[in-house]
Amino acid sequence: MTLFEVRNAELVSEFDRYVREHPEWADLIPDQALVALLLEGDEEFNEWSRQGAQMQAEKEQTIMYVKIKQLEPARSRIREVELTQGR
């Protein structure tokens, strides 16, 4: 996987969570639209994402670009840990 593919996978996961927490967003995306994610301030990634969307979209398919304007730092959701020693 390339760096852009990894970044895109992370953004897709985060956007999926965002839409589940803000379901009104789902209503803004037309049925059967292809969603391409952009990241503010990362023009190289954005160009890669736009080109990929244009290549993947079927003829007449709407492409919706979602620009992620701010992304919180990733952090662990682990609440409790236990460490044991093995051989």
C-alpha atoms as a PDB file:
ATOM      1  CA  MET A   1       0.000   0.000   0.000  1.00  0.00           C
ATOM      2  CA  THR A   2       1.247   3.466  -0.846  1.00  0.00           C
ATOM      3  CA  LEU A   3       1.275   6.346   1.635  1.00  0.00           C
ATOM      4  CA  PHE A   4      -1.721   7.907  -0.146  1.00  0.00           C
ATOM      5  CA  GLU A   5      -3.661   4.632  -0.006  1.00  0.00           C
ATOM      6  CA  VAL A   6      -2.998   4.369   3.746  1.00  0.00           C
ATOM      7  CA  ARG A   7      -3.998   8.010   4.279  1.00  0.00           C
ATOM      8  CA  ASN A   8      -7.170   7.498   2.237  1.00  0.00           C
ATOM      9  CA  ALA A   9      -8.108   4.372   4.216  1.00  0.00           C
ATOM     10  CA  GLU A  10      -7.684   6.298   7.477  1.00  0.00           C
ATOM     11  CA  LEU A  11      -9.785   9.204   6.190  1.00  0.00           C
ATOM     12  CA  VAL A  12     -12.517   6.853   4.949  1.00  0.00           C
ATOM     13  CA  SER A  13     -12.683   5.262   8.402  1.00  0.00           C
ATOM     14  CA  GLU A  14     -12.842   8.651  10.121  1.00  0.00           C
ATOM     15  CA  PHE A  15     -15.460   9.997   7.702  1.00  0.00           C
ATOM     16  CA  ASP A  16     -17.561   6.866   8.213  1.00  0.00           C
ATOM     17  CA  ARG A  17     -17.477   7.512  11.984  1.00  0.00           C
ATOM     18  CA  TYR A  18     -18.317  11.169  11.433  1.00  0.00           C
ATOM     19  CA  VAL A  19     -21.348  10.320   9.295  1.00  0.00           C
ATOM     20  CA  ARG A  20     -22.590   7.823  11.896  1.00  0.00           C
ATOM     21  CA  GLU A  21     -22.349  10.576  14.532  1.00  0.00           C
ATOM     22  CA  HIS A  22     -23.817  13.225  12.180  1.00  0.00           C
ATOM     23  CA  PRO A  23     -26.390  11.336  10.066  1.00  0.00           C
ATOM     24  CA  GLU A  24     -27.622  14.534   8.422  1.00  0.00           C
ATOM     25  CA  TRP A  25     -24.456  14.382   6.307  1.00  0.00           C
ATOM     26  CA  ALA A  26     -25.640  11.188   4.645  1.00  0.00           C
ATOM     27  CA  ASP A  27     -28.679  13.054   3.337  1.00  0.00           C
ATOM     28  CA  LEU A  28     -26.416  15.551   1.540  1.00  0.00           C
ATOM     29  CA  ILE A  29     -24.744  12.850  -0.560  1.00  0.00           C
ATOM     30  CA  PRO A  30     -26.754  11.791  -3.624  1.00  0.00           C
ATOM     31  CA  ASP A  31     -27.572   8.100  -4.028  1.00  0.00           C
ATOM     32  CA  GLN A  32     -24.955   6.230  -6.054  1.00  0.00           C
ATOM     33  CA  ALA A  33     -22.470   9.119  -5.795  1.00  0.00           C
ATOM     34  CA  LEU A  34     -18.766   8.395  -5.534  1.00  0.00           C
ATOM     35  CA  VAL A  35     -17.274  10.144  -2.494  1.00  0.00           C
ATOM     36  CA  ALA A  36     -13.677  11.344  -2.720  1.00  0.00           C
ATOM     37  CA  LEU A  37     -11.960  12.652   0.378  1.00  0.00           C
ATOM     38  CA  LEU A  38      -9.625  15.640   0.335  1.00  0.00           C
ATOM     39  CA  LEU A  39      -7.407  16.851   3.159  1.00  0.00           C
ATOM     40  CA  GLU A  40      -6.970  20.584   3.623  1.00  0.00           C
ATOM     41  CA  GLY A  41      -3.340  21.576   3.157  1.00  0.00           C
ATOM     42  CA  ASP A  42      -2.251  18.373   1.362  1.00  0.00           C
ATOM     43  CA  GLU A  43      -2.471  19.225  -2.335  1.00  0.00           C
ATOM     44  CA  GLU A  44      -0.449  16.192  -3.440  1.00  0.00           C
ATOM     45  CA  PHE A  45      -2.872  13.814  -1.737  1.00  0.00           C
ATOM     46  CA  ASN A  46      -5.854  15.817  -2.969  1.00  0.00           C
ATOM     47  CA  GLU A  47      -4.700  15.586  -6.580  1.00  0.00           C
ATOM     48  CA  TRP A  48      -4.191  11.827  -6.167  1.00  0.00           C
ATOM     49  CA  SER A  49      -7.684  11.510  -4.671  1.00  0.00           C
ATOM     50  CA  ARG A  50      -9.308  13.588  -7.439  1.00  0.00           C
ATOM     51  CA  GLN A  51      -7.597  11.607 -10.188  1.00  0.00           C
ATOM     52  CA  GLY A  52      -8.545   8.313  -8.555  1.00  0.00           C
ATOM     53  CA  ALA A  53     -12.174   9.395  -8.258  1.00  0.00           C
ATOM     54  CA  GLN A  54     -12.319  10.459 -11.887  1.00  0.00           C
ATOM     55  CA  MET A  55     -10.832   7.134 -12.987  1.00  0.00           C
ATOM     56  CA  GLN A  56     -13.226   5.097 -10.813  1.00  0.00           C
ATOM     57  CA  ALA A  57     -16.433   6.988 -11.507  1.00  0.00           C
ATOM     58  CA  GLU A  58     -18.787   5.437 -13.966  1.00  0.00           C
ATOM     59  CA  LYS A  59     -20.046   7.532 -16.848  1.00  0.00           C
ATOM     60  CA  GLU A  60     -22.567  10.099 -15.584  1.00  0.00           C
ATOM     61  CA  GLN A  61     -21.840   9.167 -11.919  1.00  0.00           C
ATOM     62  CA  THR A  62     -21.728  12.123  -9.566  1.00  0.00           C
ATOM     63  CA  ILE A  63     -18.483  12.672  -7.678  1.00  0.00           C
ATOM     64  CA  MET A  64     -18.822  14.369  -4.295  1.00  0.00           C
ATOM     65  CA  TYR A  65     -15.630  15.850  -2.846  1.00  0.00           C
ATOM     66  CA  VAL A  66     -15.489  16.022   0.946  1.00  0.00           C
ATOM     67  CA  LYS A  67     -12.709  18.252   2.260  1.00  0.00           C
ATOM     68  CA  ILE A  68     -11.529  17.289   5.732  1.00  0.00           C
ATOM     69  CA  LYS A  69     -10.633  20.662   7.222  1.00  0.00           C
ATOM     70  CA  GLN A  70      -9.381  19.534  10.613  1.00  0.00           C
ATOM     71  CA  LEU A  71      -8.419  16.137  11.955  1.00  0.00           C
ATOM     72  CA  GLU A  72      -7.725  15.476  15.611  1.00  0.00           C
ATOM     73  CA  PRO A  73      -4.566  13.531  16.450  1.00  0.00           C
ATOM     74  CA  ALA A  74      -5.123   9.781  16.624  1.00  0.00           C
ATOM     75  CA  ARG A  75      -5.178   8.354  20.102  1.00  0.00           C
ATOM     76  CA  SER A  76      -5.755   4.984  21.635  1.00  0.00           C
ATOM     77  CA  ARG A  77      -9.212   4.000  22.822  1.00  0.00           C
ATOM     78  CA  ILE A  78      -7.739   1.416  25.239  1.00  0.00           C
ATOM     79  CA  ARG A  79      -8.942   2.092  28.784  1.00  0.00           C
ATOM     80  CA  GLU A  80      -7.162  -0.647  30.696  1.00  0.00           C
ATOM     81  CA  VAL A  81      -4.006  -2.668  30.033  1.00  0.00           C
ATOM     82  CA  GLU A  82      -2.387  -5.642  31.716  1.00  0.00           C
ATOM     83  CA  LEU A  83       1.222  -6.662  31.082  1.00  0.00           C
ATOM     84  CA  THR A  84       2.540 -10.170  31.797  1.00  0.00           C
ATOM     85  CA  GLN A  85       5.907 -11.704  31.079  1.00  0.00           C
ATOM     86  CA  GLY A  86       6.283 -14.909  29.120  1.00  0.00           C
ATOM     87  CA  ARG A  87       9.216 -16.997  28.033  1.00  0.00           C
END
